[in-house]
Amino acid sequence: MKTTVELPDSLLREAKRIAVRRRTTVKALIEQGLRSAIAERERKAGFKLRNATFRGNGLVAGVSLQDWATIRDLAYAGRGA
């Protein structure tokens, strides 16, 4: 597939110089740059949930999750608060 890309003259000149030094083509440099940019974006796009586990005994029998005052008191029990 062919496409047209408009580049600033200074960027194209630099790309040509680099291509000559590396014995490759400007097309190959553009392909490499696009692949690198896409790979970097995909690495950043991934979301990893951190491990948020904690020590404890889990849920307490008989305590309602709607009773925030009791939950708060249990959370801070033994911590000097």
PDB file of N, CA and C in Angstrom:
ATOM      1  N   MET A   1       0.847  -1.166   0.000  1.00  0.00           N
ATOM      2  CA  MET A   1       0.000   0.000   0.000  1.00  0.00           C
ATOM      3  C   MET A   1       0.896   1.234   0.000  1.00  0.00           C
ATOM      4  N   LYS A   2       0.515   2.229  -0.767  1.00  0.00           N
ATOM      5  CA  LYS A   2       1.280   3.466  -0.830  1.00  0.00           C
ATOM      6  C   LYS A   2       0.508   4.576  -0.144  1.00  0.00           C
ATOM      7  N   THR A   3       1.265   5.509   0.422  1.00  0.00           N
ATOM      8  CA  THR A   3       0.657   6.678   1.038  1.00  0.00           C
ATOM      9  C   THR A   3       1.634   7.833   0.917  1.00  0.00           C
ATOM     10  N   THR A   4       1.133   9.019   1.123  1.00  0.00           N
ATOM     11  CA  THR A   4       1.974  10.210   1.079  1.00  0.00           C
ATOM     12  C   THR A   4       2.064  10.797   2.475  1.00  0.00           C
ATOM     13  N   VAL A   5       3.282  11.120   2.875  1.00  0.00           N
ATOM     14  CA  VAL A   5       3.514  11.719   4.178  1.00  0.00           C
ATOM     15  C   VAL A   5       4.233  13.038   3.960  1.00  0.00           C
ATOM     16  N   GLU A   6       3.694  14.092   4.536  1.00  0.00           N
ATOM     17  CA  GLU A   6       4.359  15.392   4.442  1.00  0.00           C
ATOM     18  C   GLU A   6       5.216  15.595   5.676  1.00  0.00           C
ATOM     19  N   LEU A   7       6.496  15.847   5.447  1.00  0.00           N
ATOM     20  CA  LEU A   7       7.444  16.051   6.527  1.00  0.00           C
ATOM     21  C   LEU A   7       8.114  17.414   6.376  1.00  0.00           C
ATOM     22  N   PRO A   8       8.503  18.029   7.469  1.00  0.00           N
ATOM     23  CA  PRO A   8       9.284  19.256   7.355  1.00  0.00           C
ATOM     24  C   PRO A   8      10.596  18.965   6.618  1.00  0.00           C
ATOM     25  N   ASP A   9      11.045  19.904   5.826  1.00  0.00           N
ATOM     26  CA  ASP A   9      12.262  19.708   5.033  1.00  0.00           C
ATOM     27  C   ASP A   9      13.452  19.317   5.900  1.00  0.00           C
ATOM     28  N   SER A  10      13.602  19.978   7.025  1.00  0.00           N
ATOM     29  CA  SER A  10      14.753  19.690   7.894  1.00  0.00           C
ATOM     30  C   SER A  10      14.706  18.246   8.423  1.00  0.00           C
ATOM     31  N   LEU A  11      13.519  17.759   8.741  1.00  0.00           N
ATOM     32  CA  LEU A  11      13.383  16.386   9.226  1.00  0.00           C
ATOM     33  C   LEU A  11      13.713  15.394   8.126  1.00  0.00           C
ATOM     34  N   LEU A  12      13.245  15.650   6.934  1.00  0.00           N
ATOM     35  CA  LEU A  12      13.528  14.762   5.810  1.00  0.00           C
ATOM     36  C   LEU A  12      15.026  14.744   5.492  1.00  0.00           C
ATOM     37  N   ARG A  13      15.676  15.910   5.532  1.00  0.00           N
ATOM     38  CA  ARG A  13      17.123  15.949   5.287  1.00  0.00           C
ATOM     39  C   ARG A  13      17.870  15.112   6.321  1.00  0.00           C
ATOM     40  N   GLU A  14      17.492  15.261   7.589  1.00  0.00           N
ATOM     41  CA  GLU A  14      18.138  14.489   8.649  1.00  0.00           C
ATOM     42  C   GLU A  14      17.883  13.003   8.475  1.00  0.00           C
ATOM     43  N   ALA A  15      16.673  12.640   8.108  1.00  0.00           N
ATOM     44  CA  ALA A  15      16.339  11.233   7.886  1.00  0.00           C
ATOM     45  C   ALA A  15      17.173  10.655   6.742  1.00  0.00           C
ATOM     46  N   LYS A  16      17.358  11.432   5.694  1.00  0.00           N
ATOM     47  CA  LYS A  16      18.182  10.968   4.565  1.00  0.00           C
ATOM     48  C   LYS A  16      19.619  10.760   4.990  1.00  0.00           C
ATOM     49  N   ARG A  17      20.146  11.678   5.819  1.00  0.00           N
ATOM     50  CA  ARG A  17      21.531  11.532   6.299  1.00  0.00           C
ATOM     51  C   ARG A  17      21.672  10.255   7.144  1.00  0.00           C
ATOM     52  N   ILE A  18      20.706  10.044   8.017  1.00  0.00           N
ATOM     53  CA  ILE A  18      20.751   8.859   8.873  1.00  0.00           C
ATOM     54  C   ILE A  18      20.625   7.589   8.030  1.00  0.00           C
ATOM     55  N   ALA A  19      19.737   7.614   7.058  1.00  0.00           N
ATOM     56  CA  ALA A  19      19.543   6.447   6.190  1.00  0.00           C
ATOM     57  C   ALA A  19      20.836   6.095   5.456  1.00  0.00           C
ATOM     58  N   VAL A  20      21.542   7.097   4.962  1.00  0.00           N
ATOM     59  CA  VAL A  20      22.806   6.845   4.262  1.00  0.00           C
ATOM     60  C   VAL A  20      23.823   6.222   5.217  1.00  0.00           C
ATOM     61  N   ARG A  21      23.944   6.798   6.411  1.00  0.00           N
ATOM     62  CA  ARG A  21      24.897   6.273   7.396  1.00  0.00           C
ATOM     63  C   ARG A  21      24.580   4.836   7.778  1.00  0.00           C
ATOM     64  N   ARG A  22      23.298   4.515   7.895  1.00  0.00           N
ATOM     65  CA  ARG A  22      22.888   3.164   8.305  1.00  0.00           C
ATOM     66  C   ARG A  22      22.731   2.202   7.128  1.00  0.00           C
ATOM     67  N   ARG A  23      22.943   2.729   5.940  1.00  0.00           N
ATOM     68  CA  ARG A  23      22.784   1.934   4.711  1.00  0.00           C
ATOM     69  C   ARG A  23      21.390   1.324   4.630  1.00  0.00           C
ATOM     70  N   THR A  24      20.404   2.197   4.812  1.00  0.00           N
ATOM     71  CA  THR A  24      19.008   1.783   4.722  1.00  0.00           C
ATOM     72  C   THR A  24      18.251   2.865   3.953  1.00  0.00           C
ATOM     73  N   THR A  25      16.950   2.816   3.986  1.00  0.00           N
ATOM     74  CA  THR A  25      16.129   3.797   3.271  1.00  0.00           C
ATOM     75  C   THR A  25      15.326   4.638   4.252  1.00  0.00           C
ATOM     76  N   VAL A  26      14.861   5.786   3.765  1.00  0.00           N
ATOM     77  CA  VAL A  26      13.989   6.628   4.581  1.00  0.00           C
ATOM     78  C   VAL A  26      12.705   5.859   4.883  1.00  0.00           C
ATOM     79  N   LYS A  27      12.217   5.106   3.918  1.00  0.00           N
ATOM     80  CA  LYS A  27      11.019   4.293   4.128  1.00  0.00           C
ATOM     81  C   LYS A  27      11.220   3.347   5.310  1.00  0.00           C
ATOM     82  N   ALA A  28      12.376   2.684   5.361  1.00  0.00           N
ATOM     83  CA  ALA A  28      12.656   1.748   6.458  1.00  0.00           C
ATOM     84  C   ALA A  28      12.718   2.489   7.790  1.00  0.00           C
ATOM     85  N   LEU A  29      13.294   3.683   7.812  1.00  0.00           N
ATOM     86  CA  LEU A  29      13.343   4.479   9.039  1.00  0.00           C
ATOM     87  C   LEU A  29      11.945   4.858   9.507  1.00  0.00           C
ATOM     88  N   ILE A  30      11.099   5.250   8.559  1.00  0.00           N
ATOM     89  CA  ILE A  30       9.723   5.619   8.910  1.00  0.00           C
ATOM     90  C   ILE A  30       8.985   4.404   9.467  1.00  0.00           C
ATOM     91  N   GLU A  31       9.136   3.250   8.819  1.00  0.00           N
ATOM     92  CA  GLU A  31       8.498   2.026   9.307  1.00  0.00           C
ATOM     93  C   GLU A  31       8.976   1.693  10.719  1.00  0.00           C
ATOM     94  N   GLN A  32      10.288   1.776  10.937  1.00  0.00           N
ATOM     95  CA  GLN A  32      10.855   1.478  12.253  1.00  0.00           C
ATOM     96  C   GLN A  32      10.304   2.447  13.298  1.00  0.00           C
ATOM     97  N   GLY A  33      10.236   3.724  12.944  1.00  0.00           N
ATOM     98  CA  GLY A  33       9.715   4.713  13.877  1.00  0.00           C
ATOM     99  C   GLY A  33       8.254   4.481  14.222  1.00  0.00           C
ATOM    100  N   LEU A  34       7.445   4.172  13.234  1.00  0.00           N
ATOM    101  CA  LEU A  34       6.033   3.901  13.481  1.00  0.00           C
ATOM    102  C   LEU A  34       5.844   2.656  14.348  1.00  0.00           C
ATOM    103  N   ARG A  35       6.601   1.608  14.036  1.00  0.00           N
ATOM    104  CA  ARG A  35       6.491   0.379  14.842  1.00  0.00           C
ATOM    105  C   ARG A  35       6.894   0.652  16.293  1.00  0.00           C
ATOM    106  N   SER A  36       7.937   1.430  16.475  1.00  0.00           N
ATOM    107  CA  SER A  36       8.397   1.764  17.826  1.00  0.00           C
ATOM    108  C   SER A  36       7.354   2.591  18.575  1.00  0.00           C
ATOM    109  N   ALA A  37       6.773   3.578  17.905  1.00  0.00           N
ATOM    110  CA  ALA A  37       5.761   4.429  18.538  1.00  0.00           C
ATOM    111  C   ALA A  37       4.522   3.623  18.916  1.00  0.00           C
ATOM    112  N   ILE A  38       4.105   2.712  18.041  1.00  0.00           N
ATOM    113  CA  ILE A  38       2.922   1.883  18.315  1.00  0.00           C
ATOM    114  C   ILE A  38       3.204   0.935  19.477  1.00  0.00           C
ATOM    115  N   ALA A  39       4.381   0.315  19.487  1.00  0.00           N
ATOM    116  CA  ALA A  39       4.730  -0.611  20.569  1.00  0.00           C
ATOM    117  C   ALA A  39       4.778   0.123  21.904  1.00  0.00           C
ATOM    118  N   GLU A  40       5.342   1.322  21.923  1.00  0.00           N
ATOM    119  CA  GLU A  40       5.417   2.097  23.161  1.00  0.00           C
ATOM    120  C   GLU A  40       4.028   2.464  23.658  1.00  0.00           C
ATOM    121  N   ARG A  41       3.166   2.837  22.751  1.00  0.00           N
ATOM    122  CA  ARG A  41       1.795   3.199  23.134  1.00  0.00           C
ATOM    123  C   ARG A  41       1.064   2.003  23.736  1.00  0.00           C
ATOM    124  N   GLU A  42       1.262   0.829  23.137  1.00  0.00           N
ATOM    125  CA  GLU A  42       0.609  -0.376  23.645  1.00  0.00           C
ATOM    126  C   GLU A  42       1.141  -0.744  25.026  1.00  0.00           C
ATOM    127  N   ARG A  43       2.436  -0.529  25.260  1.00  0.00           N
ATOM    128  CA  ARG A  43       2.998  -0.809  26.588  1.00  0.00           C
ATOM    129  C   ARG A  43       2.385   0.116  27.623  1.00  0.00           C
ATOM    130  N   LYS A  44       2.211   1.374  27.269  1.00  0.00           N
ATOM    131  CA  LYS A  44       1.645   2.347  28.199  1.00  0.00           C
ATOM    132  C   LYS A  44       0.149   2.141  28.387  1.00  0.00           C
ATOM    133  N   ALA A  45      -0.526   1.603  27.400  1.00  0.00           N
ATOM    134  CA  ALA A  45      -1.975   1.456  27.460  1.00  0.00           C
ATOM    135  C   ALA A  45      -2.401   0.346  28.409  1.00  0.00           C
ATOM    136  N   GLY A  46      -1.525  -0.609  28.646  1.00  0.00           N
ATOM    137  CA  GLY A  46      -1.885  -1.715  29.523  1.00  0.00           C
ATOM    138  C   GLY A  46      -2.063  -1.246  30.959  1.00  0.00           C
ATOM    139  N   PHE A  47      -3.057  -1.793  31.611  1.00  0.00           N
ATOM    140  CA  PHE A  47      -3.322  -1.453  32.996  1.00  0.00           C
ATOM    141  C   PHE A  47      -3.051  -2.669  33.856  1.00  0.00           C
ATOM    142  N   LYS A  48      -2.305  -2.466  34.915  1.00  0.00           N
ATOM    143  CA  LYS A  48      -2.032  -3.568  35.823  1.00  0.00           C
ATOM    144  C   LYS A  48      -2.474  -3.143  37.211  1.00  0.00           C
ATOM    145  N   LEU A  49      -3.385  -3.903  37.752  1.00  0.00           N
ATOM    146  CA  LEU A  49      -3.901  -3.633  39.086  1.00  0.00           C
ATOM    147  C   LEU A  49      -2.859  -4.060  40.101  1.00  0.00           C
ATOM    148  N   ARG A  50      -2.515  -3.148  40.987  1.00  0.00           N
ATOM    149  CA  ARG A  50      -1.508  -3.484  41.992  1.00  0.00           C
ATOM    150  C   ARG A  50      -2.100  -4.465  43.005  1.00  0.00           C
ATOM    151  N   ASN A  51      -1.234  -5.200  43.659  1.00  0.00           N
ATOM    152  CA  ASN A  51      -1.655  -6.133  44.691  1.00  0.00           C
ATOM    153  C   ASN A  51      -2.089  -5.327  45.913  1.00  0.00           C
ATOM    154  N   ALA A  52      -3.354  -5.379  46.245  1.00  0.00           N
ATOM    155  CA  ALA A  52      -3.889  -4.586  47.353  1.00  0.00           C
ATOM    156  C   ALA A  52      -4.369  -5.470  48.499  1.00  0.00           C
ATOM    157  N   THR A  53      -3.764  -6.646  48.616  1.00  0.00           N
ATOM    158  CA  THR A  53      -4.160  -7.529  49.711  1.00  0.00           C
ATOM    159  C   THR A  53      -3.586  -7.018  51.025  1.00  0.00           C
ATOM    160  N   PHE A  54      -4.158  -7.465  52.114  1.00  0.00           N
ATOM    161  CA  PHE A  54      -3.697  -7.041  53.431  1.00  0.00           C
ATOM    162  C   PHE A  54      -3.879  -8.193  54.402  1.00  0.00           C
ATOM    163  N   ARG A  55      -3.207  -8.069  55.520  1.00  0.00           N
ATOM    164  CA  ARG A  55      -3.330  -9.102  56.552  1.00  0.00           C
ATOM    165  C   ARG A  55      -4.630  -8.895  57.314  1.00  0.00           C
ATOM    166  N   GLY A  56      -5.155  -9.942  57.793  1.00  0.00           N
ATOM    167  CA  GLY A  56      -6.382  -9.839  58.578  1.00  0.00           C
ATOM    168  C   GLY A  56      -7.175 -11.119  58.516  1.00  0.00           C
ATOM    169  N   ASN A  57      -8.337 -11.065  59.094  1.00  0.00           N
ATOM    170  CA  ASN A  57      -9.180 -12.250  59.161  1.00  0.00           C
ATOM    171  C   ASN A  57     -10.362 -12.184  58.209  1.00  0.00           C
ATOM    172  N   GLY A  58     -10.366 -11.221  57.334  1.00  0.00           N
ATOM    173  CA  GLY A  58     -11.452 -11.121  56.374  1.00  0.00           C
ATOM    174  C   GLY A  58     -12.687 -10.496  56.987  1.00  0.00           C
ATOM    175  N   LEU A  59     -13.831 -10.859  56.459  1.00  0.00           N
ATOM    176  CA  LEU A  59     -15.087 -10.307  56.963  1.00  0.00           C
ATOM    177  C   LEU A  59     -15.373 -10.801  58.369  1.00  0.00           C
ATOM    178  N   VAL A  60     -15.983  -9.958  59.155  1.00  0.00           N
ATOM    179  CA  VAL A  60     -16.342 -10.315  60.532  1.00  0.00           C
ATOM    180  C   VAL A  60     -17.811 -10.718  60.545  1.00  0.00           C
ATOM    181  N   ALA A  61     -18.071 -11.909  61.084  1.00  0.00           N
ATOM    182  CA  ALA A  61     -19.450 -12.407  61.143  1.00  0.00           C
ATOM    183  C   ALA A  61     -20.311 -11.440  61.949  1.00  0.00           C
ATOM    184  N   GLY A  62     -21.494 -11.173  61.454  1.00  0.00           N
ATOM    185  CA  GLY A  62     -22.450 -10.347  62.174  1.00  0.00           C
ATOM    186  C   GLY A  62     -22.287  -8.847  61.969  1.00  0.00           C
ATOM    187  N   VAL A  63     -21.284  -8.416  61.185  1.00  0.00           N
ATOM    188  CA  VAL A  63     -21.093  -6.986  60.936  1.00  0.00           C
ATOM    189  C   VAL A  63     -21.613  -6.677  59.541  1.00  0.00           C
ATOM    190  N   SER A  64     -22.516  -5.733  59.470  1.00  0.00           N
ATOM    191  CA  SER A  64     -23.091  -5.337  58.195  1.00  0.00           C
ATOM    192  C   SER A  64     -22.129  -4.398  57.460  1.00  0.00           C
ATOM    193  N   LEU A  65     -22.010  -4.595  56.163  1.00  0.00           N
ATOM    194  CA  LEU A  65     -21.177  -3.694  55.357  1.00  0.00           C
ATOM    195  C   LEU A  65     -21.818  -2.309  55.224  1.00  0.00           C
ATOM    196  N   GLN A  66     -23.055  -2.172  55.660  1.00  0.00           N
ATOM    197  CA  GLN A  66     -23.744  -0.885  55.651  1.00  0.00           C
ATOM    198  C   GLN A  66     -23.474  -0.087  56.929  1.00  0.00           C
ATOM    199  N   ASP A  67     -22.887  -0.722  57.940  1.00  0.00           N
ATOM    200  CA  ASP A  67     -22.644  -0.091  59.233  1.00  0.00           C
ATOM    201  C   ASP A  67     -21.221   0.476  59.261  1.00  0.00           C
ATOM    202  N   TRP A  68     -21.049   1.664  58.661  1.00  0.00           N
ATOM    203  CA  TRP A  68     -19.718   2.253  58.505  1.00  0.00           C
ATOM    204  C   TRP A  68     -19.053   2.599  59.829  1.00  0.00           C
ATOM    205  N   ALA A  69     -19.799   2.992  60.811  1.00  0.00           N
ATOM    206  CA  ALA A  69     -19.205   3.338  62.114  1.00  0.00           C
ATOM    207  C   ALA A  69     -18.534   2.113  62.730  1.00  0.00           C
ATOM    208  N   THR A  70     -19.192   0.974  62.665  1.00  0.00           N
ATOM    209  CA  THR A  70     -18.622  -0.251  63.221  1.00  0.00           C
ATOM    210  C   THR A  70     -17.420  -0.701  62.398  1.00  0.00           C
ATOM    211  N   ILE A  71     -17.528  -0.595  61.071  1.00  0.00           N
ATOM    212  CA  ILE A  71     -16.405  -0.973  60.199  1.00  0.00           C
ATOM    213  C   ILE A  71     -15.192  -0.104  60.517  1.00  0.00           C
ATOM    214  N   ARG A  72     -15.391   1.202  60.678  1.00  0.00           N
ATOM    215  CA  ARG A  72     -14.297   2.117  61.004  1.00  0.00           C
ATOM    216  C   ARG A  72     -13.677   1.740  62.346  1.00  0.00           C
ATOM    217  N   ASP A  73     -14.514   1.487  63.340  1.00  0.00           N
ATOM    218  CA  ASP A  73     -14.008   1.117  64.664  1.00  0.00           C
ATOM    219  C   ASP A  73     -13.187  -0.163  64.596  1.00  0.00           C
ATOM    220  N   LEU A  74     -13.649  -1.142  63.825  1.00  0.00           N
ATOM    221  CA  LEU A  74     -12.902  -2.398  63.686  1.00  0.00           C
ATOM    222  C   LEU A  74     -11.576  -2.175  62.949  1.00  0.00           C
ATOM    223  N   ALA A  75     -11.588  -1.308  61.939  1.00  0.00           N
ATOM    224  CA  ALA A  75     -10.385  -1.049  61.165  1.00  0.00           C
ATOM    225  C   ALA A  75      -9.290  -0.409  61.998  1.00  0.00           C
ATOM    226  N   TYR A  76      -9.693   0.441  62.946  1.00  0.00           N
ATOM    227  CA  TYR A  76      -8.715   1.155  63.760  1.00  0.00           C
ATOM    228  C   TYR A  76      -8.495   0.512  65.118  1.00  0.00           C
ATOM    229  N   ALA A  77      -9.163  -0.573  65.420  1.00  0.00           N
ATOM    230  CA  ALA A  77      -9.025  -1.243  66.715  1.00  0.00           C
ATOM    231  C   ALA A  77      -7.572  -1.671  66.931  1.00  0.00           C
ATOM    232  N   GLY A  78      -7.043  -1.353  68.089  1.00  0.00           N
ATOM    233  CA  GLY A  78      -5.689  -1.759  68.430  1.00  0.00           C
ATOM    234  C   GLY A  78      -4.607  -0.899  67.813  1.00  0.00           C
ATOM    235  N   ARG A  79      -4.965   0.206  67.174  1.00  0.00           N
ATOM    236  CA  ARG A  79      -3.985   1.075  66.530  1.00  0.00           C
ATOM    237  C   ARG A  79      -3.796   2.390  67.280  1.00  0.00           C
ATOM    238  N   GLY A  80      -4.358   2.477  68.442  1.00  0.00           N
ATOM    239  CA  GLY A  80      -4.168   3.674  69.246  1.00  0.00           C
ATOM    240  C   GLY A  80      -5.030   4.843  68.826  1.00  0.00           C
ATOM    241  N   ALA A  81      -5.995   4.604  67.971  1.00  0.00           N
ATOM    242  CA  ALA A  81      -6.851   5.706  67.495  1.00  0.00           C
ATOM    243  C   ALA A  81      -8.139   5.750  68.244  1.00  0.00           C
TER     244      ALA A  81
END
